[in-house]
């Protein structure tokens, strides 16, 4: 399994922070859903830190693992 590093930036105005939550849309959920569509496998994204609701990020580091060759 290979780990892939991502450097991401986002405007968190309309999101409930980084971490996936049941009652609001999170950045983690949006990125995981997009990767799962592109890679065609369920994907879990782990970030180096979390942001609160409405907080933006510039240069946040995250990674995901994938057994398939990308």
C-alpha atoms as a PDB file:
ATOM      1  CA  UNK A   1       0.000   0.000   0.000  1.00  0.00           C
ATOM      2  CA  UNK A   2       1.371   3.417  -0.987  1.00  0.00           C
ATOM      3  CA  UNK A   3       0.735   6.605   0.987  1.00  0.00           C
ATOM      4  CA  UNK A   4       0.155   9.798  -0.972  1.00  0.00           C
ATOM      5  CA  UNK A   5       0.806  13.235   0.495  1.00  0.00           C
ATOM      6  CA  UNK A   6      -1.457  16.165  -0.383  1.00  0.00           C
ATOM      7  CA  UNK A   7      -0.890  19.847   0.256  1.00  0.00           C
ATOM      8  CA  UNK A   8      -4.327  21.446   0.296  1.00  0.00           C
ATOM      9  CA  UNK A   9      -5.921  24.857   0.655  1.00  0.00           C
ATOM     10  CA  UNK A  10      -9.577  25.680   1.144  1.00  0.00           C
ATOM     11  CA  UNK A  11     -12.082  28.328   2.086  1.00  0.00           C
ATOM     12  CA  UNK A  12     -13.833  26.861   5.114  1.00  0.00           C
ATOM     13  CA  UNK A  13     -16.635  29.423   5.280  1.00  0.00           C
ATOM     14  CA  UNK A  14     -19.432  26.963   4.453  1.00  0.00           C
ATOM     15  CA  UNK A  15     -17.969  23.920   6.247  1.00  0.00           C
ATOM     16  CA  UNK A  16     -18.126  22.545   9.768  1.00  0.00           C
ATOM     17  CA  UNK A  17     -14.348  22.231  10.035  1.00  0.00           C
ATOM     18  CA  UNK A  18     -11.947  19.521   8.924  1.00  0.00           C
ATOM     19  CA  UNK A  19     -13.191  16.402  10.724  1.00  0.00           C
ATOM     20  CA  UNK A  20     -16.101  14.347   9.369  1.00  0.00           C
ATOM     21  CA  UNK A  21     -19.310  14.904  11.323  1.00  0.00           C
ATOM     22  CA  UNK A  22     -22.854  13.619  11.072  1.00  0.00           C
ATOM     23  CA  UNK A  23     -24.650  16.965  11.324  1.00  0.00           C
ATOM     24  CA  UNK A  24     -22.607  19.139   8.943  1.00  0.00           C
ATOM     25  CA  UNK A  25     -20.477  18.990   5.805  1.00  0.00           C
ATOM     26  CA  UNK A  26     -16.755  18.799   6.531  1.00  0.00           C
ATOM     27  CA  UNK A  27     -13.652  19.291   4.415  1.00  0.00           C
ATOM     28  CA  UNK A  28     -12.502  15.734   5.186  1.00  0.00           C
ATOM     29  CA  UNK A  29     -15.784  14.289   3.909  1.00  0.00           C
ATOM     30  CA  UNK A  30     -15.702  16.338   0.705  1.00  0.00           C
ATOM     31  CA  UNK A  31     -12.123  15.286  -0.098  1.00  0.00           C
ATOM     32  CA  UNK A  32     -12.748  11.616   0.798  1.00  0.00           C
ATOM     33  CA  UNK A  33     -15.854  11.504  -1.393  1.00  0.00           C
ATOM     34  CA  UNK A  34     -13.992  13.054  -4.338  1.00  0.00           C
ATOM     35  CA  UNK A  35     -11.051  10.651  -3.991  1.00  0.00           C
ATOM     36  CA  UNK A  36     -13.402   7.676  -3.648  1.00  0.00           C
ATOM     37  CA  UNK A  37     -15.063   8.628  -6.930  1.00  0.00           C
ATOM     38  CA  UNK A  38     -11.775   9.157  -8.791  1.00  0.00           C
ATOM     39  CA  UNK A  39     -10.025   6.074  -7.351  1.00  0.00           C
ATOM     40  CA  UNK A  40     -13.168   3.902  -7.334  1.00  0.00           C
ATOM     41  CA  UNK A  41     -12.413   2.666  -3.810  1.00  0.00           C
ATOM     42  CA  UNK A  42     -13.386   3.940  -0.379  1.00  0.00           C
ATOM     43  CA  UNK A  43     -10.652   6.329   0.740  1.00  0.00           C
ATOM     44  CA  UNK A  44      -9.817   7.712   4.184  1.00  0.00           C
ATOM     45  CA  UNK A  45      -7.905  10.997   4.396  1.00  0.00           C
ATOM     46  CA  UNK A  46      -5.791  11.853   7.445  1.00  0.00           C
ATOM     47  CA  UNK A  47      -4.729  15.465   8.042  1.00  0.00           C
ATOM     48  CA  UNK A  48      -1.784  16.861   9.983  1.00  0.00           C
ATOM     49  CA  UNK A  49      -4.219  18.991  11.960  1.00  0.00           C
ATOM     50  CA  UNK A  50      -7.837  20.076  12.079  1.00  0.00           C
ATOM     51  CA  UNK A  51      -9.637  23.347  11.509  1.00  0.00           C
ATOM     52  CA  UNK A  52     -12.765  24.588  13.251  1.00  0.00           C
ATOM     53  CA  UNK A  53     -16.004  25.559  11.519  1.00  0.00           C
ATOM     54  CA  UNK A  54     -15.552  28.458   9.116  1.00  0.00           C
ATOM     55  CA  UNK A  55     -11.747  28.394   9.254  1.00  0.00           C
ATOM     56  CA  UNK A  56      -9.670  28.504   6.046  1.00  0.00           C
ATOM     57  CA  UNK A  57      -6.466  26.597   5.339  1.00  0.00           C
ATOM     58  CA  UNK A  58      -3.447  27.306   3.165  1.00  0.00           C
ATOM     59  CA  UNK A  59      -0.810  24.595   2.844  1.00  0.00           C
ATOM     60  CA  UNK A  60      -2.445  22.012   5.108  1.00  0.00           C
ATOM     61  CA  UNK A  61      -0.851  18.570   4.781  1.00  0.00           C
ATOM     62  CA  UNK A  62      -2.934  15.401   4.527  1.00  0.00           C
ATOM     63  CA  UNK A  63      -2.381  11.871   3.271  1.00  0.00           C
ATOM     64  CA  UNK A  64      -4.265   8.827   2.077  1.00  0.00           C
ATOM     65  CA  UNK A  65      -3.244   5.254   1.371  1.00  0.00           C
ATOM     66  CA  UNK A  66      -4.115   3.377  -1.803  1.00  0.00           C
ATOM     67  CA  UNK A  67      -3.365  -0.203  -2.824  1.00  0.00           C
ATOM     68  CA  UNK A  68      -3.983   0.578  -6.490  1.00  0.00           C
ATOM     69  CA  UNK A  69      -1.390   2.178  -8.757  1.00  0.00           C
ATOM     70  CA  UNK A  70      -2.294   5.776  -9.469  1.00  0.00           C
END
